[in-house]
N, C-alpha and C. Protein backbone atom coordinates (compact mmCIF):
# COMPACT_ATOMS: atom_id res chain seq x y z
N MET A 1 181.75 123.64 135.16
CA MET A 1 182.38 124.14 136.36
C MET A 1 181.39 124.07 137.52
N ASP A 2 181.84 123.51 138.65
CA ASP A 2 181.00 123.37 139.82
C ASP A 2 180.93 124.69 140.58
N SER A 3 179.74 124.98 141.12
CA SER A 3 179.57 126.18 141.94
C SER A 3 180.12 125.92 143.33
N ASP A 4 180.60 126.96 143.92
CA ASP A 4 181.09 126.88 145.29
C ASP A 4 179.89 126.57 146.20
N PRO A 5 179.93 125.44 146.93
CA PRO A 5 178.78 125.07 147.77
C PRO A 5 178.47 126.13 148.82
N ARG A 6 179.49 126.77 149.31
CA ARG A 6 179.28 127.83 150.31
C ARG A 6 178.52 129.01 149.70
N ALA A 7 178.88 129.38 148.49
CA ALA A 7 178.22 130.49 147.79
C ALA A 7 176.76 130.14 147.50
N VAL A 8 176.52 128.88 147.13
CA VAL A 8 175.15 128.43 146.87
C VAL A 8 174.32 128.51 148.14
N LEU A 9 174.87 128.02 149.24
CA LEU A 9 174.16 128.09 150.53
C LEU A 9 173.90 129.53 150.94
N GLU A 10 174.89 130.39 150.73
CA GLU A 10 174.73 131.80 151.08
C GLU A 10 173.61 132.45 150.27
N GLU A 11 173.56 132.16 148.98
CA GLU A 11 172.51 132.74 148.14
C GLU A 11 171.13 132.21 148.54
N ARG A 12 171.03 130.95 148.88
CA ARG A 12 169.75 130.39 149.36
C ARG A 12 169.32 131.08 150.64
N ALA A 13 170.27 131.30 151.54
CA ALA A 13 169.95 131.98 152.79
C ALA A 13 169.48 133.41 152.51
N ARG A 14 170.14 134.09 151.58
CA ARG A 14 169.72 135.46 151.22
C ARG A 14 168.30 135.46 150.65
N GLU A 15 167.99 134.48 149.82
CA GLU A 15 166.64 134.36 149.27
C GLU A 15 165.62 134.17 150.38
N GLN A 16 165.94 133.32 151.34
CA GLN A 16 165.03 133.09 152.46
C GLN A 16 164.86 134.35 153.31
N LEU A 17 165.95 135.07 153.52
CA LEU A 17 165.85 136.33 154.28
C LEU A 17 164.97 137.33 153.55
N ARG A 18 165.09 137.40 152.23
CA ARG A 18 164.23 138.30 151.45
C ARG A 18 162.76 137.89 151.58
N GLU A 19 162.51 136.59 151.57
CA GLU A 19 161.13 136.10 151.73
C GLU A 19 160.58 136.46 153.12
N VAL A 20 161.39 136.27 154.14
CA VAL A 20 160.96 136.61 155.50
C VAL A 20 160.71 138.11 155.61
N ALA A 21 161.58 138.92 155.00
CA ALA A 21 161.39 140.37 155.02
C ALA A 21 160.07 140.74 154.34
N ALA A 22 159.75 140.07 153.23
CA ALA A 22 158.49 140.34 152.54
C ALA A 22 157.29 139.96 153.41
N GLU A 23 157.39 138.85 154.10
CA GLU A 23 156.32 138.43 155.01
C GLU A 23 156.17 139.42 156.16
N LEU A 24 157.29 139.88 156.67
CA LEU A 24 157.26 140.86 157.76
C LEU A 24 156.63 142.17 157.29
N GLU A 25 156.94 142.55 156.07
CA GLU A 25 156.33 143.76 155.51
C GLU A 25 154.83 143.59 155.36
N ALA A 26 154.39 142.41 154.98
CA ALA A 26 152.95 142.14 154.88
C ALA A 26 152.29 142.25 156.25
N ILE A 27 152.94 141.73 157.27
CA ILE A 27 152.42 141.85 158.64
C ILE A 27 152.36 143.32 159.04
N ARG A 28 153.39 144.08 158.67
CA ARG A 28 153.41 145.51 158.97
C ARG A 28 152.18 146.20 158.37
N PHE A 29 151.88 145.88 157.10
CA PHE A 29 150.73 146.50 156.45
C PHE A 29 149.42 146.07 157.10
N ARG A 30 149.33 144.83 157.52
CA ARG A 30 148.12 144.37 158.23
C ARG A 30 147.94 145.14 159.53
N LEU A 31 149.03 145.31 160.28
CA LEU A 31 148.95 146.06 161.52
C LEU A 31 148.59 147.52 161.27
N LEU A 32 149.13 148.11 160.23
CA LEU A 32 148.77 149.49 159.88
C LEU A 32 147.28 149.59 159.56
N GLY A 33 146.74 148.57 158.91
CA GLY A 33 145.30 148.55 158.62
C GLY A 33 144.46 148.49 159.88
N VAL A 34 144.87 147.63 160.81
CA VAL A 34 144.15 147.55 162.09
C VAL A 34 144.24 148.88 162.81
N TYR A 35 145.44 149.45 162.84
CA TYR A 35 145.66 150.74 163.51
C TYR A 35 144.76 151.82 162.92
N ALA A 36 144.71 151.89 161.60
CA ALA A 36 143.90 152.91 160.92
C ALA A 36 142.41 152.70 161.14
N ALA A 37 141.99 151.46 161.32
CA ALA A 37 140.57 151.17 161.51
C ALA A 37 140.08 151.53 162.91
N LEU A 38 141.00 151.60 163.86
CA LEU A 38 140.60 151.92 165.23
C LEU A 38 140.43 153.43 165.38
N PRO A 39 139.39 153.85 166.07
CA PRO A 39 139.19 155.29 166.24
C PRO A 39 140.24 155.90 167.17
N VAL A 40 140.58 157.14 166.87
CA VAL A 40 141.50 157.88 167.73
C VAL A 40 140.76 158.23 169.01
N SER A 41 141.40 157.96 170.13
CA SER A 41 140.75 158.21 171.42
C SER A 41 140.88 159.67 171.81
N PRO A 42 140.05 160.11 172.73
CA PRO A 42 140.18 161.49 173.22
C PRO A 42 141.57 161.76 173.82
N ALA A 43 142.15 160.76 174.45
CA ALA A 43 143.48 160.94 175.04
C ALA A 43 144.53 161.18 173.96
N GLU A 44 144.37 160.54 172.81
CA GLU A 44 145.31 160.76 171.71
C GLU A 44 145.10 162.12 171.06
N ARG A 45 143.84 162.54 170.97
CA ARG A 45 143.55 163.85 170.38
C ARG A 45 144.04 164.99 171.26
N ASP A 46 144.01 164.78 172.58
CA ASP A 46 144.42 165.81 173.53
C ASP A 46 145.41 165.20 174.52
N PRO A 47 146.71 165.19 174.18
CA PRO A 47 147.70 164.54 175.05
C PRO A 47 147.86 165.21 176.42
N LEU A 48 147.39 166.44 176.55
CA LEU A 48 147.49 167.14 177.84
C LEU A 48 146.31 166.82 178.76
N ARG A 49 145.40 166.03 178.26
CA ARG A 49 144.23 165.63 179.04
C ARG A 49 144.68 164.87 180.29
N GLU A 50 144.01 165.10 181.38
CA GLU A 50 144.39 164.52 182.67
C GLU A 50 143.67 163.21 182.97
N ASP A 51 143.47 162.39 181.98
CA ASP A 51 142.78 161.11 182.16
C ASP A 51 143.82 159.99 182.09
N ASP A 52 144.09 159.36 183.24
CA ASP A 52 145.11 158.31 183.28
C ASP A 52 144.62 156.97 182.76
N ALA A 53 143.33 156.79 182.71
CA ALA A 53 142.79 155.49 182.30
C ALA A 53 142.81 155.37 180.78
N MET A 54 143.48 154.33 180.29
CA MET A 54 143.51 154.06 178.85
C MET A 54 142.43 153.04 178.54
N ASP A 55 141.63 153.34 177.55
CA ASP A 55 140.63 152.36 177.15
C ASP A 55 141.29 151.30 176.26
N ALA A 56 140.53 150.27 175.93
CA ALA A 56 141.08 149.14 175.16
C ALA A 56 141.58 149.57 173.79
N VAL A 57 140.86 150.46 173.13
CA VAL A 57 141.26 150.90 171.80
C VAL A 57 142.58 151.67 171.87
N THR A 58 142.71 152.53 172.86
CA THR A 58 143.95 153.29 173.03
C THR A 58 145.12 152.35 173.30
N ARG A 59 144.89 151.34 174.14
CA ARG A 59 145.95 150.36 174.42
C ARG A 59 146.35 149.60 173.16
N MET A 60 145.35 149.23 172.35
CA MET A 60 145.65 148.51 171.11
C MET A 60 146.45 149.39 170.15
N ARG A 61 146.01 150.64 169.98
CA ARG A 61 146.73 151.55 169.09
C ARG A 61 148.16 151.78 169.59
N ALA A 62 148.31 151.93 170.90
CA ALA A 62 149.65 152.15 171.47
C ALA A 62 150.52 150.91 171.26
N ALA A 63 149.96 149.73 171.49
CA ALA A 63 150.72 148.49 171.30
C ALA A 63 151.16 148.33 169.84
N ILE A 64 150.24 148.58 168.92
CA ILE A 64 150.56 148.46 167.50
C ILE A 64 151.65 149.45 167.12
N GLY A 65 151.52 150.70 167.58
CA GLY A 65 152.53 151.71 167.28
C GLY A 65 153.90 151.31 167.78
N CYS A 66 153.96 150.81 169.00
CA CYS A 66 155.25 150.37 169.56
C CYS A 66 155.82 149.18 168.80
N ILE A 67 154.98 148.23 168.48
CA ILE A 67 155.44 147.05 167.75
C ILE A 67 155.98 147.45 166.38
N LEU A 68 155.28 148.33 165.70
CA LEU A 68 155.73 148.77 164.37
C LEU A 68 157.07 149.49 164.44
N GLU A 69 157.19 150.41 165.37
CA GLU A 69 158.40 151.24 165.44
C GLU A 69 159.58 150.54 166.12
N ASP A 70 159.30 149.83 167.19
CA ASP A 70 160.38 149.27 168.01
C ASP A 70 160.79 147.86 167.62
N ARG A 71 159.91 147.13 166.96
CA ARG A 71 160.21 145.74 166.65
C ARG A 71 160.26 145.46 165.14
N ILE A 72 159.17 145.76 164.45
CA ILE A 72 159.07 145.36 163.06
C ILE A 72 159.99 146.18 162.16
N ALA A 73 159.99 147.49 162.31
CA ALA A 73 160.84 148.32 161.45
C ALA A 73 162.32 147.96 161.59
N PRO A 74 162.86 147.83 162.82
CA PRO A 74 164.26 147.43 162.93
C PRO A 74 164.53 146.02 162.38
N ALA A 75 163.63 145.10 162.64
CA ALA A 75 163.81 143.73 162.13
C ALA A 75 163.81 143.72 160.61
N PHE A 76 162.92 144.48 160.01
CA PHE A 76 162.85 144.56 158.55
C PHE A 76 164.16 145.12 157.98
N ARG A 77 164.66 146.19 158.59
CA ARG A 77 165.93 146.78 158.13
C ARG A 77 167.09 145.80 158.27
N GLU A 78 167.13 145.09 159.39
CA GLU A 78 168.21 144.12 159.61
C GLU A 78 168.14 142.97 158.60
N LEU A 79 166.95 142.49 158.31
CA LEU A 79 166.80 141.42 157.33
C LEU A 79 167.24 141.88 155.94
N GLN A 80 166.83 143.08 155.57
CA GLN A 80 167.24 143.61 154.27
C GLN A 80 168.77 143.75 154.20
N ALA A 81 169.35 144.26 155.26
CA ALA A 81 170.82 144.43 155.27
C ALA A 81 171.51 143.08 155.20
N ALA A 82 171.03 142.11 155.94
CA ALA A 82 171.63 140.79 155.94
C ALA A 82 171.49 140.11 154.58
N ALA A 83 170.38 140.40 153.90
CA ALA A 83 170.15 139.81 152.58
C ALA A 83 170.92 140.56 151.49
N GLY A 84 171.56 141.65 151.88
CA GLY A 84 172.33 142.42 150.91
C GLY A 84 171.51 143.38 150.09
N GLU A 85 170.35 143.78 150.61
CA GLU A 85 169.51 144.74 149.88
C GLU A 85 169.74 146.14 150.43
N PRO A 86 169.53 147.15 149.60
CA PRO A 86 169.73 148.55 150.06
C PRO A 86 168.70 148.97 151.07
């Protein structure tokens, strides 16, 4: 019995989406490692501090935090959903 070509293509696409999700998760862990390795700035320790100037480390930590929460986490969830994973 021949397999439905559409079903075969769909399953291949799901496999690829799962692979991309795994790669994205690996990137997430790499970014978390970079984030954890950077020292917490005085501005992060005391958010009420009146210092408007962000140093490079604070900018990097802020960028990583935003990328993780606003970009990578939603993309990962969407890929999992599209691949049919819980």
